[in-house]
Amino acid sequence: MLFFGVLYHQRNPLLALEHVSRLARECAVIETHYLKSETRPVLRFYPGNSLNQDPTNYWGPSLSCLEMMLQEVGFRSVKLVDTWSSDDDRATLTAYK
């Protein structure tokens, strides 16, 4: 299952990942904005249009937070595929059932 550019737009990101976990048979590939400067498990809220002037951007997880969230919803292992910067910091991860 592919879940690209969606997580940070969700009002309830953990609930969204629960849906992803239920739909994924073997794995899910997640691409999202992430907090590059944060190593602790943190989920930052962006009110209004404070992330890239887009009022539909709500959340930014650190990589450790995203890994823990994916494990919490039922993925047994998570692998970081890549990170990069464009207008913001992006990451792609693969989560396995």
N, C-alpha and C. Protein backbone atom coordinates (compact mmCIF):
# COMPACT_ATOMS: atom_id res chain seq x y z
N MET A 1 0.84 -1.17 0.00
CA MET A 1 0.00 0.00 0.00
C MET A 1 0.89 1.24 0.00
N LEU A 2 0.50 2.24 -0.77
CA LEU A 2 1.22 3.51 -0.82
C LEU A 2 0.44 4.59 -0.08
N PHE A 3 1.13 5.35 0.74
CA PHE A 3 0.52 6.43 1.53
C PHE A 3 1.47 7.63 1.43
N PHE A 4 1.40 8.31 0.29
CA PHE A 4 2.35 9.37 -0.03
C PHE A 4 1.71 10.75 0.15
N GLY A 5 2.38 11.61 0.93
CA GLY A 5 1.98 12.99 1.06
C GLY A 5 0.61 13.19 1.70
N VAL A 6 0.23 12.27 2.58
CA VAL A 6 -1.11 12.33 3.17
C VAL A 6 -1.07 12.53 4.69
N LEU A 7 -0.11 11.92 5.37
CA LEU A 7 -0.12 11.88 6.83
C LEU A 7 -0.19 13.27 7.46
N TYR A 8 0.61 14.20 7.01
CA TYR A 8 0.66 15.52 7.64
C TYR A 8 -0.59 16.35 7.37
N HIS A 9 -1.47 15.87 6.49
CA HIS A 9 -2.75 16.54 6.24
C HIS A 9 -3.87 16.00 7.12
N GLN A 10 -3.63 14.95 7.86
CA GLN A 10 -4.67 14.30 8.66
C GLN A 10 -4.84 14.98 10.01
N ARG A 11 -6.09 15.25 10.36
CA ARG A 11 -6.36 15.82 11.69
C ARG A 11 -6.02 14.81 12.79
N ASN A 12 -6.18 13.53 12.51
CA ASN A 12 -5.91 12.46 13.47
C ASN A 12 -4.92 11.48 12.85
N PRO A 13 -3.62 11.79 12.92
CA PRO A 13 -2.64 10.98 12.20
C PRO A 13 -2.54 9.53 12.69
N LEU A 14 -2.69 9.27 13.97
CA LEU A 14 -2.61 7.90 14.44
C LEU A 14 -3.80 7.08 13.94
N LEU A 15 -4.96 7.68 13.91
CA LEU A 15 -6.14 7.01 13.36
C LEU A 15 -5.94 6.71 11.88
N ALA A 16 -5.36 7.65 11.15
CA ALA A 16 -5.09 7.43 9.73
C ALA A 16 -4.14 6.25 9.55
N LEU A 17 -3.12 6.15 10.39
CA LEU A 17 -2.18 5.04 10.29
C LEU A 17 -2.84 3.71 10.69
N GLU A 18 -3.81 3.75 11.59
CA GLU A 18 -4.57 2.53 11.91
C GLU A 18 -5.30 2.02 10.67
N HIS A 19 -5.89 2.95 9.91
CA HIS A 19 -6.57 2.57 8.67
C HIS A 19 -5.58 1.98 7.67
N VAL A 20 -4.42 2.60 7.55
CA VAL A 20 -3.38 2.09 6.65
C VAL A 20 -2.99 0.67 7.06
N SER A 21 -2.81 0.45 8.35
CA SER A 21 -2.43 -0.88 8.83
C SER A 21 -3.50 -1.92 8.53
N ARG A 22 -4.75 -1.56 8.68
CA ARG A 22 -5.83 -2.50 8.38
C ARG A 22 -5.88 -2.85 6.90
N LEU A 23 -5.57 -1.88 6.04
CA LEU A 23 -5.65 -2.10 4.59
C LEU A 23 -4.41 -2.78 4.01
N ALA A 24 -3.28 -2.61 4.66
CA ALA A 24 -2.02 -3.18 4.14
C ALA A 24 -1.99 -4.67 4.41
N ARG A 25 -1.63 -5.44 3.39
CA ARG A 25 -1.53 -6.89 3.57
C ARG A 25 -0.14 -7.30 4.04
N GLU A 26 0.89 -6.79 3.39
CA GLU A 26 2.25 -7.15 3.76
C GLU A 26 3.07 -5.95 4.22
N CYS A 27 2.88 -4.82 3.52
CA CYS A 27 3.66 -3.64 3.88
C CYS A 27 2.95 -2.38 3.40
N ALA A 28 3.43 -1.26 3.91
CA ALA A 28 2.97 0.05 3.48
C ALA A 28 4.20 0.93 3.28
N VAL A 29 4.16 1.75 2.25
CA VAL A 29 5.23 2.71 2.00
C VAL A 29 4.64 4.09 2.30
N ILE A 30 5.27 4.78 3.24
CA ILE A 30 4.77 6.06 3.72
C ILE A 30 5.77 7.15 3.35
N GLU A 31 5.29 8.19 2.71
CA GLU A 31 6.11 9.38 2.40
C GLU A 31 5.44 10.55 3.09
N THR A 32 6.24 11.36 3.79
CA THR A 32 5.65 12.46 4.55
C THR A 32 6.66 13.54 4.88
N HIS A 33 6.14 14.68 5.27
CA HIS A 33 6.95 15.72 5.90
C HIS A 33 7.40 15.16 7.25
N TYR A 34 8.63 15.50 7.66
CA TYR A 34 9.08 15.07 8.98
C TYR A 34 9.95 16.16 9.60
N LEU A 35 10.17 16.03 10.90
CA LEU A 35 10.98 16.99 11.66
C LEU A 35 12.44 16.54 11.63
N LYS A 36 13.20 17.11 10.74
CA LYS A 36 14.60 16.71 10.57
C LYS A 36 15.45 17.02 11.80
N SER A 37 15.17 18.12 12.46
CA SER A 37 16.00 18.57 13.57
C SER A 37 15.67 17.88 14.89
N GLU A 38 14.69 17.00 14.90
CA GLU A 38 14.25 16.39 16.16
C GLU A 38 14.55 14.90 16.18
N THR A 39 15.27 14.42 17.19
CA THR A 39 15.56 12.99 17.31
C THR A 39 14.62 12.31 18.30
N ARG A 40 14.04 13.08 19.22
CA ARG A 40 13.09 12.49 20.18
C ARG A 40 11.78 12.17 19.47
N PRO A 41 10.95 11.28 20.03
CA PRO A 41 9.65 10.99 19.43
C PRO A 41 8.67 12.15 19.66
N VAL A 42 8.56 13.01 18.65
CA VAL A 42 7.75 14.23 18.76
C VAL A 42 6.82 14.33 17.56
N LEU A 43 5.60 14.78 17.82
CA LEU A 43 4.64 15.09 16.76
C LEU A 43 4.28 16.56 16.92
N ARG A 44 4.73 17.39 16.00
CA ARG A 44 4.52 18.84 16.09
C ARG A 44 3.25 19.25 15.35
N PHE A 45 2.44 20.08 16.01
CA PHE A 45 1.22 20.61 15.41
C PHE A 45 1.52 21.94 14.73
N TYR A 46 0.99 22.11 13.51
CA TYR A 46 1.15 23.35 12.75
C TYR A 46 -0.21 24.03 12.63
N PRO A 47 -0.49 25.04 13.44
CA PRO A 47 -1.79 25.72 13.35
C PRO A 47 -1.88 26.63 12.12
N GLY A 48 -3.11 26.85 11.67
CA GLY A 48 -3.33 27.76 10.54
C GLY A 48 -2.57 27.33 9.32
N ASN A 49 -1.86 28.27 8.74
CA ASN A 49 -1.07 27.95 7.54
C ASN A 49 0.43 28.08 7.83
N SER A 50 0.83 27.68 9.03
CA SER A 50 2.21 27.88 9.45
C SER A 50 3.22 26.92 8.81
N LEU A 51 2.76 25.85 8.18
CA LEU A 51 3.67 24.98 7.43
C LEU A 51 3.44 25.21 5.94
N ASN A 52 4.38 25.89 5.31
CA ASN A 52 4.34 26.16 3.87
C ASN A 52 3.09 26.91 3.40
N GLN A 53 2.56 27.74 4.27
CA GLN A 53 1.40 28.56 3.92
C GLN A 53 0.19 27.73 3.45
N ASP A 54 0.06 26.53 3.99
CA ASP A 54 -1.04 25.63 3.61
C ASP A 54 -1.86 25.30 4.84
N PRO A 55 -3.12 25.75 4.90
CA PRO A 55 -3.94 25.49 6.10
C PRO A 55 -4.35 24.03 6.27
N THR A 56 -4.03 23.16 5.29
CA THR A 56 -4.36 21.75 5.44
C THR A 56 -3.18 20.92 5.94
N ASN A 57 -2.06 21.58 6.23
CA ASN A 57 -0.91 20.90 6.83
C ASN A 57 -1.05 21.01 8.35
N TYR A 58 -1.17 19.87 9.03
CA TYR A 58 -1.42 19.88 10.47
C TYR A 58 -0.26 19.36 11.32
N TRP A 59 0.45 18.32 10.86
CA TRP A 59 1.38 17.62 11.73
C TRP A 59 2.74 17.36 11.07
N GLY A 60 3.76 17.31 11.89
CA GLY A 60 5.08 16.90 11.46
C GLY A 60 5.68 15.98 12.51
N PRO A 61 5.86 14.70 12.19
CA PRO A 61 6.47 13.78 13.15
C PRO A 61 7.98 13.74 12.99
N SER A 62 8.67 13.45 14.09
CA SER A 62 10.08 13.08 13.97
C SER A 62 10.12 11.66 13.44
N LEU A 63 11.26 11.23 12.93
CA LEU A 63 11.37 9.86 12.41
C LEU A 63 11.14 8.84 13.51
N SER A 64 11.65 9.10 14.70
CA SER A 64 11.44 8.14 15.80
C SER A 64 9.97 8.08 16.19
N CYS A 65 9.28 9.20 16.16
CA CYS A 65 7.84 9.20 16.45
C CYS A 65 7.08 8.42 15.39
N LEU A 66 7.40 8.65 14.14
CA LEU A 66 6.71 7.96 13.05
C LEU A 66 6.93 6.45 13.16
N GLU A 67 8.14 6.03 13.46
CA GLU A 67 8.41 4.61 13.62
C GLU A 67 7.56 4.03 14.77
N MET A 68 7.51 4.72 15.90
CA MET A 68 6.72 4.25 17.04
C MET A 68 5.22 4.21 16.72
N MET A 69 4.76 5.21 15.99
CA MET A 69 3.34 5.23 15.61
C MET A 69 3.01 4.04 14.71
N LEU A 70 3.88 3.75 13.76
CA LEU A 70 3.64 2.62 12.86
C LEU A 70 3.66 1.29 13.62
N GLN A 71 4.55 1.16 14.57
CA GLN A 71 4.57 -0.05 15.38
C GLN A 71 3.34 -0.14 16.27
N GLU A 72 2.88 0.97 16.77
CA GLU A 72 1.69 1.01 17.63
C GLU A 72 0.45 0.52 16.90
N VAL A 73 0.38 0.77 15.60
CA VAL A 73 -0.82 0.37 14.84
C VAL A 73 -0.68 -1.01 14.20
N GLY A 74 0.42 -1.72 14.50
CA GLY A 74 0.49 -3.10 14.07
C GLY A 74 1.57 -3.49 13.08
N PHE A 75 2.44 -2.58 12.71
CA PHE A 75 3.56 -2.95 11.85
C PHE A 75 4.70 -3.46 12.72
N ARG A 76 5.27 -4.60 12.35
CA ARG A 76 6.30 -5.21 13.20
C ARG A 76 7.67 -4.60 13.00
N SER A 77 7.94 -4.09 11.80
CA SER A 77 9.23 -3.45 11.56
C SER A 77 9.07 -2.29 10.58
N VAL A 78 9.94 -1.32 10.74
CA VAL A 78 9.91 -0.11 9.92
C VAL A 78 11.31 0.17 9.44
N LYS A 79 11.45 0.44 8.15
CA LYS A 79 12.76 0.75 7.57
C LYS A 79 12.70 2.12 6.89
N LEU A 80 13.70 2.93 7.17
CA LEU A 80 13.83 4.22 6.50
C LEU A 80 14.38 3.98 5.11
N VAL A 81 13.69 4.47 4.09
CA VAL A 81 14.13 4.32 2.70
C VAL A 81 15.01 5.48 2.30
N ASP A 82 14.54 6.72 2.57
CA ASP A 82 15.28 7.89 2.12
C ASP A 82 14.74 9.14 2.81
N THR A 83 15.58 10.15 2.90
CA THR A 83 15.17 11.49 3.33
C THR A 83 15.72 12.48 2.33
N TRP A 84 15.06 13.61 2.20
CA TRP A 84 15.53 14.67 1.31
C TRP A 84 14.83 15.97 1.67
N SER A 85 15.32 17.05 1.11
CA SER A 85 14.72 18.35 1.31
C SER A 85 14.31 18.92 -0.03
N SER A 86 13.11 19.46 -0.07
CA SER A 86 12.64 20.24 -1.22
C SER A 86 12.21 21.57 -0.61
N ASP A 87 10.93 21.85 -0.56
CA ASP A 87 10.45 23.03 0.18
C ASP A 87 10.44 22.74 1.68
N ASP A 88 10.39 21.47 2.03
CA ASP A 88 10.45 21.05 3.43
C ASP A 88 11.18 19.71 3.50
N ASP A 89 11.35 19.20 4.70
CA ASP A 89 12.06 17.93 4.87
C ASP A 89 11.10 16.77 4.69
N ARG A 90 11.50 15.80 3.87
CA ARG A 90 10.64 14.67 3.51
C ARG A 90 11.34 13.36 3.83
N ALA A 91 10.53 12.35 4.12
CA ALA A 91 11.06 11.02 4.39
C ALA A 91 10.15 9.98 3.77
N THR A 92 10.74 8.87 3.37
CA THR A 92 9.99 7.71 2.91
C THR A 92 10.40 6.53 3.77
N LEU A 93 9.41 5.81 4.28
CA LEU A 93 9.64 4.63 5.10
C LEU A 93 8.79 3.48 4.57
N THR A 94 9.27 2.26 4.81
CA THR A 94 8.49 1.07 4.51
C THR A 94 8.20 0.38 5.84
N ALA A 95 6.92 0.08 6.07
CA ALA A 95 6.48 -0.57 7.29
C ALA A 95 5.96 -1.97 6.93
N TYR A 96 6.45 -2.97 7.64
CA TYR A 96 6.12 -4.37 7.33
C TYR A 96 5.23 -4.96 8.41
N LYS A 97 4.23 -5.76 7.98
CA LYS A 97 3.32 -6.44 8.90
C LYS A 97 4.02 -7.58 9.60
